[in-house]
């Protein structure tokens, strides 16, 4: 039985079109998501910094 030479993993340099077409998300939704994530990160960093200051007192 002959083996298949084509890999299941596509090459980065293939000229074929992608098999899955991704839908573009609305930019407003993405902007709101990024803003919320940045607020969460800033809050977490502020909490870590304030707990570090309390530990050194």
N, C-alpha and C. Protein backbone atom coordinates (compact mmCIF):
# COMPACT_ATOMS: atom_id res chain seq x y z
N UNK A 1 0.85 -1.19 0.00
CA UNK A 1 0.00 0.00 0.00
C UNK A 1 0.89 1.24 0.00
N UNK A 2 0.72 2.14 -0.97
CA UNK A 2 1.57 3.34 -1.02
C UNK A 2 1.23 4.30 0.11
N UNK A 3 2.26 4.95 0.60
CA UNK A 3 2.06 5.94 1.66
C UNK A 3 1.71 7.29 1.04
N UNK A 4 0.92 8.05 1.76
CA UNK A 4 0.60 9.40 1.29
C UNK A 4 1.79 10.30 1.59
N UNK A 5 2.24 11.01 0.59
CA UNK A 5 3.38 11.89 0.79
C UNK A 5 2.95 13.26 1.30
N UNK A 6 1.69 13.61 1.09
CA UNK A 6 1.19 14.92 1.53
C UNK A 6 0.94 14.90 3.03
N UNK A 7 1.49 15.83 3.73
CA UNK A 7 1.33 15.92 5.17
C UNK A 7 -0.03 16.51 5.51
N UNK A 8 -0.55 16.14 6.66
CA UNK A 8 -1.80 16.74 7.11
C UNK A 8 -1.61 18.18 7.55
N UNK A 9 -0.39 18.51 7.95
CA UNK A 9 -0.07 19.87 8.35
C UNK A 9 0.31 20.67 7.11
N UNK A 10 -0.43 21.76 6.81
CA UNK A 10 -0.10 22.53 5.61
C UNK A 10 1.23 23.26 5.75
N UNK A 11 1.88 23.46 4.64
CA UNK A 11 3.13 24.19 4.62
C UNK A 11 2.85 25.69 4.72
N UNK A 12 3.79 26.40 5.30
CA UNK A 12 3.65 27.86 5.39
C UNK A 12 3.76 28.52 4.03
N UNK A 13 4.35 27.82 3.06
CA UNK A 13 4.62 28.42 1.78
C UNK A 13 3.71 27.90 0.66
N UNK A 14 2.63 27.21 1.02
CA UNK A 14 1.69 26.73 0.00
C UNK A 14 0.97 27.90 -0.64
N UNK A 15 0.66 27.75 -1.91
CA UNK A 15 -0.06 28.79 -2.63
C UNK A 15 -1.57 28.62 -2.52
N UNK A 16 -2.01 27.54 -1.93
CA UNK A 16 -3.45 27.29 -1.82
C UNK A 16 -4.10 28.29 -0.87
N UNK A 17 -5.37 28.55 -1.12
CA UNK A 17 -6.13 29.44 -0.24
C UNK A 17 -6.42 28.71 1.07
N UNK A 18 -6.56 29.44 2.17
CA UNK A 18 -6.87 28.79 3.44
C UNK A 18 -8.21 28.05 3.37
N UNK A 19 -8.29 26.96 4.09
CA UNK A 19 -9.50 26.15 4.08
C UNK A 19 -10.61 26.74 4.93
N UNK A 20 -10.25 27.51 5.93
CA UNK A 20 -11.23 28.12 6.83
C UNK A 20 -11.16 29.63 6.65
N UNK A 21 -12.28 30.23 6.40
CA UNK A 21 -12.34 31.68 6.26
C UNK A 21 -12.86 32.25 7.57
N UNK A 22 -12.05 33.09 8.20
CA UNK A 22 -12.43 33.68 9.47
C UNK A 22 -13.22 34.96 9.25
N UNK A 23 -14.28 35.11 10.02
CA UNK A 23 -15.08 36.33 9.93
C UNK A 23 -14.40 37.43 10.73
N UNK A 24 -14.41 38.61 10.20
CA UNK A 24 -13.81 39.75 10.89
C UNK A 24 -14.74 40.21 12.00
N UNK A 25 -14.20 40.41 13.18
CA UNK A 25 -14.99 40.90 14.31
C UNK A 25 -15.13 42.41 14.18
N UNK A 26 -16.25 42.95 14.61
CA UNK A 26 -16.41 44.41 14.58
C UNK A 26 -15.35 45.09 15.44
N UNK A 27 -14.77 46.14 14.93
CA UNK A 27 -13.68 46.83 15.62
C UNK A 27 -14.12 47.41 16.95
N UNK A 28 -15.36 47.85 17.06
CA UNK A 28 -15.86 48.39 18.33
C UNK A 28 -15.85 47.34 19.42
N UNK A 29 -16.24 46.12 19.09
CA UNK A 29 -16.24 45.04 20.08
C UNK A 29 -14.82 44.71 20.51
N UNK A 30 -13.90 44.68 19.55
CA UNK A 30 -12.51 44.40 19.89
C UNK A 30 -11.91 45.51 20.75
N UNK A 31 -12.23 46.74 20.44
CA UNK A 31 -11.71 47.87 21.22
C UNK A 31 -12.22 47.80 22.66
N UNK A 32 -13.49 47.47 22.84
CA UNK A 32 -14.06 47.35 24.18
C UNK A 32 -13.40 46.20 24.94
N UNK A 33 -13.14 45.10 24.27
CA UNK A 33 -12.48 43.96 24.90
C UNK A 33 -11.06 44.31 25.33
N UNK A 34 -10.31 44.97 24.46
CA UNK A 34 -8.94 45.36 24.79
C UNK A 34 -8.94 46.34 25.96
N UNK A 35 -9.86 47.29 25.95
CA UNK A 35 -9.95 48.25 27.05
C UNK A 35 -10.24 47.55 28.38
N UNK A 36 -11.18 46.61 28.37
CA UNK A 36 -11.51 45.88 29.59
C UNK A 36 -10.32 45.05 30.08
N UNK A 37 -9.61 44.41 29.17
CA UNK A 37 -8.44 43.63 29.55
C UNK A 37 -7.34 44.52 30.14
N UNK A 38 -7.11 45.66 29.53
CA UNK A 38 -6.10 46.57 30.06
C UNK A 38 -6.46 47.09 31.45
N UNK A 39 -7.75 47.35 31.67
CA UNK A 39 -8.19 47.77 33.01
C UNK A 39 -7.95 46.67 34.04
N UNK A 40 -8.26 45.42 33.67
CA UNK A 40 -8.03 44.29 34.57
C UNK A 40 -6.55 44.14 34.89
N UNK A 41 -5.70 44.28 33.90
CA UNK A 41 -4.25 44.17 34.11
C UNK A 41 -3.77 45.29 35.03
N UNK A 42 -4.23 46.52 34.78
CA UNK A 42 -3.81 47.65 35.61
C UNK A 42 -4.26 47.46 37.06
N UNK A 43 -5.47 46.96 37.26
CA UNK A 43 -5.99 46.71 38.61
C UNK A 43 -5.16 45.64 39.30
N UNK A 44 -4.86 44.57 38.59
CA UNK A 44 -4.06 43.48 39.17
C UNK A 44 -2.66 43.98 39.54
N UNK A 45 -2.05 44.77 38.67
CA UNK A 45 -0.72 45.31 38.97
C UNK A 45 -0.76 46.26 40.16
N UNK A 46 -1.79 47.07 40.26
CA UNK A 46 -1.90 48.00 41.38
C UNK A 46 -2.08 47.23 42.68
N UNK A 47 -2.84 46.14 42.66
CA UNK A 47 -3.03 45.33 43.86
C UNK A 47 -1.74 44.66 44.29
N UNK A 48 -0.95 44.19 43.34
CA UNK A 48 0.32 43.55 43.67
C UNK A 48 1.28 44.58 44.25
N UNK A 49 1.34 45.76 43.67
CA UNK A 49 2.24 46.81 44.15
C UNK A 49 1.85 47.26 45.54
N UNK A 50 0.55 47.40 45.82
CA UNK A 50 0.13 47.85 47.14
C UNK A 50 0.39 46.77 48.18
N UNK A 51 0.25 45.51 47.84
CA UNK A 51 0.55 44.44 48.81
C UNK A 51 2.05 44.34 49.05
N UNK A 52 2.87 44.64 48.04
CA UNK A 52 4.32 44.63 48.20
C UNK A 52 4.74 45.76 49.16
N UNK A 53 4.11 46.93 49.05
CA UNK A 53 4.44 48.05 49.90
C UNK A 53 4.07 47.75 51.34
N UNK A 54 2.95 47.07 51.56
CA UNK A 54 2.52 46.71 52.90
C UNK A 54 3.47 45.70 53.53
N UNK A 55 4.02 44.80 52.74
CA UNK A 55 4.94 43.78 53.26
C UNK A 55 6.25 44.38 53.73
N UNK A 56 6.65 45.53 53.16
CA UNK A 56 7.94 46.14 53.50
C UNK A 56 7.85 47.09 54.66
N UNK A 57 6.66 47.38 55.16
CA UNK A 57 6.52 48.32 56.27
C UNK A 57 6.90 47.71 57.59
